[in-house]
């Protein structure tokens, strides 16, 4: 799970004392994100074992600990209805990041377990959950003629002498500002308006083999029939063209109660030939957010939701499938465990 995100946002399962705040630490060329826990501070995840990252009883959830300015003593505990069922002490030195190992109880538990981590000083502790990925690695590859899918009013790829760009959106920039301008800081540049077209990700207005890149950030998970989309995008790319995507890792996002999408599901959608969401998509989404009764309302409103749930593992299966099918030549995945997203490069 993404501790940096949990500390920054309100979450019904996560509690923290006033002595906890989000924090970053620079080590070599990586910026690690997580939580700073002062002496006496603690973090608490209710029913932690219901969350996907803990279901397999992993030895470590990919978290690391380090003392800040000296050694820090950490107590890591599992509780079952306030009864202590597992405990481990960790001395985190100030010299480097050490794996945080969970004290799983030997005896089976009938119900979910709560996870508590407390710092007993003398120095504060930094609990790192992931290191930052730099999306500029992808943005720097977006050269030539290309498309950015679903940018809203704040696209990442800007027109330049090297880049000819079209933005494909379901709504016009004006509609975005009307719908979301009061809720988010949206600074739309009107000079970009001529680059926008209204459309869908499976109906990009471009000729076959005319594009050098297709870029998207937090869009792919909203699409039904991911294989069908990649097949269409492949036909639009020139030889050597690339699909560049930033995709949420559901384990590091709000969807940590969901199950990862399977290749069987994605192949079934491809065989159906449909790009339309079903009620089942909305039921899965609502259950993953702990609000199953909202599924029908969201479906009737045609709300934009996550249709699929990706990690670096099932996205690898998907990318290997489209490469083996001859749609693309190769792929890369840039991944940091517990980060909110990961990056994909898929080359034709």
Protein backbone atom coordinates (compact mmCIF):
# COMPACT_ATOMS: atom_id res chain seq x y z
CA UNK A 1 0.00 0.00 0.00
CA UNK A 2 1.01 3.57 -0.65
CA UNK A 3 1.77 5.12 2.76
CA UNK A 4 2.50 8.54 1.27
CA UNK A 5 -0.99 8.56 -0.27
CA UNK A 6 -2.69 7.24 2.88
CA UNK A 7 -1.08 9.90 5.08
CA UNK A 8 -2.00 12.68 2.65
CA UNK A 9 -5.64 11.63 2.13
CA UNK A 10 -8.56 10.76 4.36
CA UNK A 11 -9.22 7.03 4.38
CA UNK A 12 -11.74 5.13 6.46
CA UNK A 13 -9.28 2.33 7.26
CA UNK A 14 -6.24 4.45 8.03
CA UNK A 15 -5.58 6.36 11.24
CA UNK A 16 -2.49 8.29 12.25
CA UNK A 17 -1.43 10.33 15.24
CA UNK A 18 -0.49 14.00 15.02
CA UNK A 19 3.14 12.91 15.05
CA UNK A 20 2.88 11.41 11.56
CA UNK A 21 3.22 13.25 8.24
CA UNK A 22 4.05 12.43 4.66
CA UNK A 23 7.76 12.60 3.93
CA UNK A 24 10.39 12.22 1.23
CA UNK A 25 13.99 11.07 1.48
CA UNK A 26 16.59 11.35 -1.27
CA UNK A 27 18.92 8.36 -1.51
CA UNK A 28 21.44 8.33 -4.33
CA UNK A 29 19.40 9.10 -7.45
CA UNK A 30 16.02 7.98 -6.05
CA UNK A 31 13.40 9.94 -4.13
CA UNK A 32 11.59 7.70 -1.64
CA UNK A 33 8.10 8.56 -0.42
CA UNK A 34 6.40 7.49 2.76
CA UNK A 35 5.63 8.58 6.32
CA UNK A 36 7.72 10.32 8.98
CA UNK A 37 6.76 9.01 12.43
CA UNK A 38 7.99 10.96 15.45
CA UNK A 39 8.76 9.41 18.84
CA UNK A 40 5.40 8.25 20.23
CA UNK A 41 3.67 8.49 16.86
CA UNK A 42 1.81 5.62 15.23
CA UNK A 43 -0.08 4.58 12.13
CA UNK A 44 -2.99 2.14 12.16
CA UNK A 45 -4.67 0.28 9.29
CA UNK A 46 -7.99 -1.27 10.29
CA UNK A 47 -8.76 -4.68 8.75
CA UNK A 48 -5.45 -4.49 6.92
CA UNK A 49 -5.56 -8.14 5.90
CA UNK A 50 -8.65 -7.52 3.76
CA UNK A 51 -6.51 -5.28 1.54
CA UNK A 52 -4.90 -6.87 -1.49
CA UNK A 53 -1.25 -6.17 -0.52
CA UNK A 54 -1.60 -8.26 2.66
CA UNK A 55 -3.87 -11.10 1.54
CA UNK A 56 -1.00 -13.43 0.68
CA UNK A 57 0.63 -12.90 4.09
CA UNK A 58 3.67 -11.40 2.42
CA UNK A 59 6.83 -11.24 4.53
CA UNK A 60 7.15 -7.57 3.67
CA UNK A 61 4.69 -5.30 1.86
CA UNK A 62 7.64 -3.61 0.15
CA UNK A 63 8.07 -1.04 2.91
CA UNK A 64 11.42 0.02 4.37
CA UNK A 65 12.41 1.84 7.55
CA UNK A 66 15.20 4.26 8.42
CA UNK A 67 16.00 6.36 11.46
CA UNK A 68 16.21 10.11 10.84
CA UNK A 69 19.33 11.53 12.44
CA UNK A 70 19.91 8.38 14.49
CA UNK A 71 18.41 5.01 15.37
CA UNK A 72 14.65 4.62 15.72
CA UNK A 73 12.85 1.80 17.52
CA UNK A 74 9.72 0.52 15.80
CA UNK A 75 7.05 -1.84 17.12
CA UNK A 76 5.08 -3.60 14.38
CA UNK A 77 1.93 -5.31 15.62
CA UNK A 78 -1.06 -7.26 14.33
CA UNK A 79 -4.24 -7.08 16.40
CA UNK A 80 -7.43 -9.16 16.30
CA UNK A 81 -10.25 -7.23 17.98
CA UNK A 82 -7.67 -5.35 20.09
CA UNK A 83 -5.95 -8.61 21.08
CA UNK A 84 -2.25 -8.66 20.20
CA UNK A 85 -1.58 -11.65 17.91
CA UNK A 86 1.79 -10.78 16.42
CA UNK A 87 4.60 -8.36 17.25
CA UNK A 88 8.06 -7.57 15.93
CA UNK A 89 10.57 -4.96 17.05
CA UNK A 90 12.82 -3.27 14.52
CA UNK A 91 15.77 -0.99 15.15
CA UNK A 92 16.02 1.25 12.10
CA UNK A 93 19.46 2.81 11.84
CA UNK A 94 20.08 6.17 10.22
CA UNK A 95 22.44 4.62 7.67
CA UNK A 96 20.04 3.12 5.15
CA UNK A 97 16.63 1.68 4.34
CA UNK A 98 15.92 -1.66 6.01
CA UNK A 99 13.08 -4.01 4.99
CA UNK A 100 10.06 -3.81 7.27
CA UNK A 101 9.02 -7.42 7.95
CA UNK A 102 5.51 -8.15 9.22
CA UNK A 103 4.94 -10.31 12.35
CA UNK A 104 2.35 -12.70 10.98
CA UNK A 105 0.76 -14.92 13.65
CA UNK A 106 1.29 -18.66 13.29
CA UNK A 107 -2.27 -19.48 14.32
CA UNK A 108 -4.98 -18.94 11.69
CA UNK A 109 -7.30 -16.02 12.31
CA UNK A 110 -11.03 -16.18 11.60
CA UNK A 111 -11.34 -12.45 10.97
CA UNK A 112 -9.32 -9.58 9.52
CA UNK A 113 -6.32 -8.26 11.42
CA UNK A 114 -5.45 -4.64 12.14
CA UNK A 115 -1.89 -3.42 11.57
CA UNK A 116 -0.20 -0.94 13.91
CA UNK A 117 3.27 0.59 13.63
CA UNK A 118 4.58 2.76 16.47
CA UNK A 119 7.85 4.66 16.82
CA UNK A 120 9.43 4.55 20.29
CA UNK A 121 12.33 6.86 19.45
CA UNK A 122 14.81 8.10 20.29
CA UNK A 123 15.00 9.38 16.70
CA UNK A 124 12.03 9.79 14.33
CA UNK A 125 11.49 7.02 11.79
CA UNK A 126 10.94 7.23 8.07
CA UNK A 127 8.80 4.39 6.68
CA UNK A 128 9.27 4.31 2.92
CA UNK A 129 6.65 2.66 0.73
CA UNK A 130 8.01 3.43 -2.76
CA UNK A 131 10.33 5.56 -4.84
CA UNK A 132 9.11 8.13 -7.32
CA UNK A 133 8.92 7.44 -11.04
CA UNK A 134 9.64 10.28 -13.47
CA UNK A 135 6.96 10.50 -16.16
CA UNK A 136 9.21 12.87 -18.09
CA UNK A 137 10.91 9.70 -19.31
CA UNK A 138 7.71 9.01 -21.28
CA UNK A 139 6.98 12.62 -22.19
CA UNK A 140 10.47 12.95 -23.67
CA UNK A 141 9.71 10.11 -26.11
CA UNK A 142 6.57 11.82 -27.47
CA UNK A 143 8.09 13.29 -30.62
CA UNK A 144 6.69 13.54 -34.13
CA UNK A 145 2.97 13.26 -34.87
CA UNK A 146 0.89 11.94 -32.03
CA UNK A 147 -2.21 11.84 -29.87
CA UNK A 148 -2.77 12.34 -26.16
CA UNK A 149 -5.86 10.55 -24.90
CA UNK A 150 -8.05 12.02 -22.17
CA UNK A 151 -5.85 14.93 -21.08
CA UNK A 152 -8.67 17.05 -19.70
CA UNK A 153 -7.76 20.73 -19.69
CA UNK A 154 -4.15 20.08 -18.60
CA UNK A 155 -2.33 17.98 -21.23
CA UNK A 156 1.16 16.62 -20.64
CA UNK A 157 2.32 16.70 -24.28
CA UNK A 158 2.57 20.21 -25.65
CA UNK A 159 2.90 21.22 -29.30
CA UNK A 160 6.38 22.21 -30.40
CA UNK A 161 8.67 22.30 -33.41
CA UNK A 162 9.31 18.58 -32.77
CA UNK A 163 5.79 17.53 -31.81
CA UNK A 164 2.48 17.74 -33.62
CA UNK A 165 -0.23 16.82 -31.13
CA UNK A 166 -3.99 16.16 -31.11
CA UNK A 167 -5.92 15.83 -27.83
CA UNK A 168 -8.80 13.34 -27.89
CA UNK A 169 -11.36 13.98 -25.15
CA UNK A 170 -14.93 12.93 -24.45
CA UNK A 171 -15.78 16.55 -23.58
CA UNK A 172 -14.67 19.94 -24.84
CA UNK A 173 -12.34 22.07 -22.68
CA UNK A 174 -15.25 24.40 -21.98
CA UNK A 175 -17.34 21.51 -20.66
CA UNK A 176 -14.45 20.44 -18.44
CA UNK A 177 -14.20 23.89 -16.92
CA UNK A 178 -17.95 24.03 -16.34
CA UNK A 179 -18.12 20.58 -14.72
CA UNK A 180 -14.93 20.59 -12.66
CA UNK A 181 -13.62 24.13 -12.46
CA UNK A 182 -15.14 24.72 -9.02
CA UNK A 183 -13.62 21.53 -7.60
CA UNK A 184 -10.13 21.43 -9.07
CA UNK A 185 -7.46 23.91 -10.00
CA UNK A 186 -7.85 23.93 -13.77
CA UNK A 187 -5.70 26.42 -15.63
CA UNK A 188 -6.67 25.80 -19.23
CA UNK A 189 -4.55 27.47 -21.91
CA UNK A 190 -7.02 28.65 -24.60
CA UNK A 191 -4.24 28.54 -27.19
CA UNK A 192 -4.44 24.74 -27.00
CA UNK A 193 -8.16 24.66 -27.92
CA UNK A 194 -7.53 24.07 -31.67
CA UNK A 195 -5.68 20.85 -30.82
CA UNK A 196 -8.74 19.26 -29.17
CA UNK A 197 -11.19 16.90 -30.82
CA UNK A 198 -14.12 15.15 -29.16
CA UNK A 199 -13.91 11.40 -29.53
CA UNK A 200 -13.24 8.00 -27.98
CA UNK A 201 -10.04 6.06 -27.41
CA UNK A 202 -11.16 3.36 -29.85
CA UNK A 203 -12.14 5.92 -32.51
CA UNK A 204 -9.05 8.13 -32.78
CA UNK A 205 -9.37 10.42 -35.82
CA UNK A 206 -6.15 9.43 -37.55
CA UNK A 207 -5.20 7.46 -40.65
CA UNK A 208 -3.53 4.06 -40.41
CA UNK A 209 0.25 4.18 -39.89
CA UNK A 210 0.15 7.97 -39.48
CA UNK A 211 1.17 8.37 -35.83
CA UNK A 212 4.52 8.26 -34.07
CA UNK A 213 3.06 7.95 -30.57
CA UNK A 214 -0.13 7.57 -28.56
CA UNK A 215 0.19 8.90 -25.00
CA UNK A 216 -2.19 8.57 -22.05
CA UNK A 217 -2.05 9.14 -18.31
CA UNK A 218 -4.60 7.43 -16.04
CA UNK A 219 -6.83 6.56 -19.01
CA UNK A 220 -6.14 2.91 -19.87
CA UNK A 221 -7.80 1.60 -16.69
CA UNK A 222 -11.05 3.34 -17.77
CA UNK A 223 -11.23 1.38 -21.03
CA UNK A 224 -13.26 -1.75 -21.68
CA UNK A 225 -11.62 -4.25 -24.03
CA UNK A 226 -7.95 -3.28 -23.55
CA UNK A 227 -6.73 -5.77 -26.18
CA UNK A 228 -9.13 -4.31 -28.73
CA UNK A 229 -7.87 -0.81 -27.99
CA UNK A 230 -4.24 -1.86 -28.39
CA UNK A 231 -5.10 -3.57 -31.69
CA UNK A 232 -6.65 -0.35 -33.00
CA UNK A 233 -3.75 1.77 -31.77
CA UNK A 234 -1.22 -0.55 -33.39
CA UNK A 235 -2.87 0.00 -36.77
CA UNK A 236 -2.57 3.78 -36.34
CA UNK A 237 1.15 3.74 -35.48
CA UNK A 238 3.98 3.82 -37.95
CA UNK A 239 6.68 1.17 -37.73
CA UNK A 240 8.71 2.10 -34.64
CA UNK A 241 5.84 4.12 -33.17
CA UNK A 242 5.09 3.80 -29.46
CA UNK A 243 2.21 3.61 -27.03
CA UNK A 244 3.24 5.55 -23.91
CA UNK A 245 1.07 5.07 -20.82
CA UNK A 246 0.94 6.03 -17.16
CA UNK A 247 -1.32 3.43 -15.50
CA UNK A 248 -2.48 3.31 -11.86
CA UNK A 249 -1.15 0.40 -9.83
CA UNK A 250 -4.35 -0.48 -8.02
CA UNK A 251 -2.44 -1.74 -4.97
CA UNK A 252 -1.12 1.80 -4.45
CA UNK A 253 -4.48 3.48 -5.07
CA UNK A 254 -8.02 3.49 -3.65
CA UNK A 255 -8.74 0.16 -5.34
CA UNK A 256 -6.71 -1.98 -2.92
CA UNK A 257 -9.79 -4.10 -2.10
CA UNK A 258 -10.21 -5.18 -5.73
CA UNK A 259 -8.81 -8.21 -7.49
CA UNK A 260 -6.46 -7.73 -10.41
CA UNK A 261 -8.09 -8.08 -13.83
CA UNK A 262 -7.38 -11.44 -15.43
CA UNK A 263 -6.31 -12.29 -18.97
CA UNK A 264 -9.41 -14.49 -19.20
CA UNK A 265 -11.61 -11.42 -18.62
CA UNK A 266 -9.65 -9.30 -21.09
CA UNK A 267 -9.73 -12.01 -23.75
CA UNK A 268 -13.48 -12.42 -23.22
CA UNK A 269 -14.00 -8.71 -23.79
CA UNK A 270 -11.87 -8.86 -26.92
CA UNK A 271 -13.86 -11.76 -28.33
CA UNK A 272 -17.10 -9.87 -27.68
CA UNK A 273 -15.85 -6.96 -29.80
CA UNK A 274 -17.60 -4.48 -27.50
CA UNK A 275 -16.10 -1.31 -26.07
CA UNK A 276 -19.12 -0.54 -23.88
CA UNK A 277 -19.06 -1.01 -20.08
CA UNK A 278 -21.49 -3.44 -18.47
CA UNK A 279 -23.26 -3.35 -15.12
CA UNK A 280 -20.76 -5.96 -13.95
CA UNK A 281 -17.92 -3.45 -14.40
CA UNK A 282 -19.74 -1.03 -12.14
CA UNK A 283 -20.51 -3.72 -9.57
CA UNK A 284 -16.83 -4.65 -9.37
CA UNK A 285 -15.81 -1.00 -9.05
CA UNK A 286 -18.39 -0.19 -6.38
CA UNK A 287 -17.43 -3.26 -4.33
CA UNK A 288 -13.74 -2.29 -4.55
CA UNK A 289 -14.63 1.12 -3.11
CA UNK A 290 -16.70 -0.42 -0.33
CA UNK A 291 -19.98 0.96 -1.77
CA UNK A 292 -21.65 -1.96 -3.59
CA UNK A 293 -25.11 -0.37 -3.50
CA UNK A 294 -23.93 2.51 -5.74
CA UNK A 295 -23.27 0.26 -8.74
CA UNK A 296 -26.66 0.71 -10.45
CA UNK A 297 -26.67 4.49 -9.99
CA UNK A 298 -23.15 4.80 -11.41
CA UNK A 299 -24.12 2.58 -14.33
CA UNK A 300 -27.25 4.59 -15.12
CA UNK A 301 -25.23 7.83 -15.00
CA UNK A 302 -22.55 6.28 -17.26
CA UNK A 303 -19.96 7.49 -14.77
CA UNK A 304 -16.30 7.27 -15.71
CA UNK A 305 -14.86 4.51 -13.50
CA UNK A 306 -12.00 2.05 -13.44
CA UNK A 307 -13.02 -0.81 -15.72
CA UNK A 308 -9.84 -2.81 -15.04
CA UNK A 309 -7.31 -3.13 -12.22
CA UNK A 310 -3.66 -3.39 -13.18
CA UNK A 311 -0.36 -4.24 -11.56
CA UNK A 312 3.00 -4.71 -13.22
CA UNK A 313 2.22 -8.45 -13.29
CA UNK A 314 -1.08 -8.57 -15.17
CA UNK A 315 -0.03 -5.70 -17.44
CA UNK A 316 3.01 -7.81 -18.34
CA UNK A 317 0.69 -10.67 -19.32
CA UNK A 318 -1.35 -8.30 -21.46
CA UNK A 319 1.69 -6.78 -23.17
CA UNK A 320 3.24 -10.18 -23.82
CA UNK A 321 -0.04 -11.27 -25.41
CA UNK A 322 -0.18 -8.37 -27.88
CA UNK A 323 3.52 -8.81 -28.72
CA UNK A 324 3.01 -12.53 -29.37
CA UNK A 325 -0.04 -11.67 -31.47
CA UNK A 326 2.22 -9.58 -33.72
CA UNK A 327 0.63 -6.22 -32.88
CA UNK A 328 3.83 -4.86 -31.32
CA UNK A 329 7.53 -5.72 -31.31
CA UNK A 330 8.52 -5.10 -27.69
CA UNK A 331 7.60 -3.43 -24.40
CA UNK A 332 9.04 -1.94 -21.21
CA UNK A 333 7.47 -1.53 -17.77
CA UNK A 334 8.84 1.03 -15.31
CA UNK A 335 7.54 0.05 -11.88
CA UNK A 336 7.99 0.97 -8.22
CA UNK A 337 6.14 -1.28 -5.77
CA UNK A 338 3.37 0.56 -3.84
CA UNK A 339 3.55 3.67 -6.04
CA UNK A 340 0.22 5.01 -7.29
CA UNK A 341 1.09 4.25 -10.90
CA UNK A 342 3.63 2.68 -13.25
CA UNK A 343 4.80 3.48 -16.80
CA UNK A 344 4.54 1.45 -19.99
CA UNK A 345 6.31 1.76 -23.35
CA UNK A 346 4.92 -0.48 -26.10
CA UNK A 347 6.81 -0.30 -29.42
CA UNK A 348 5.45 -1.35 -32.82
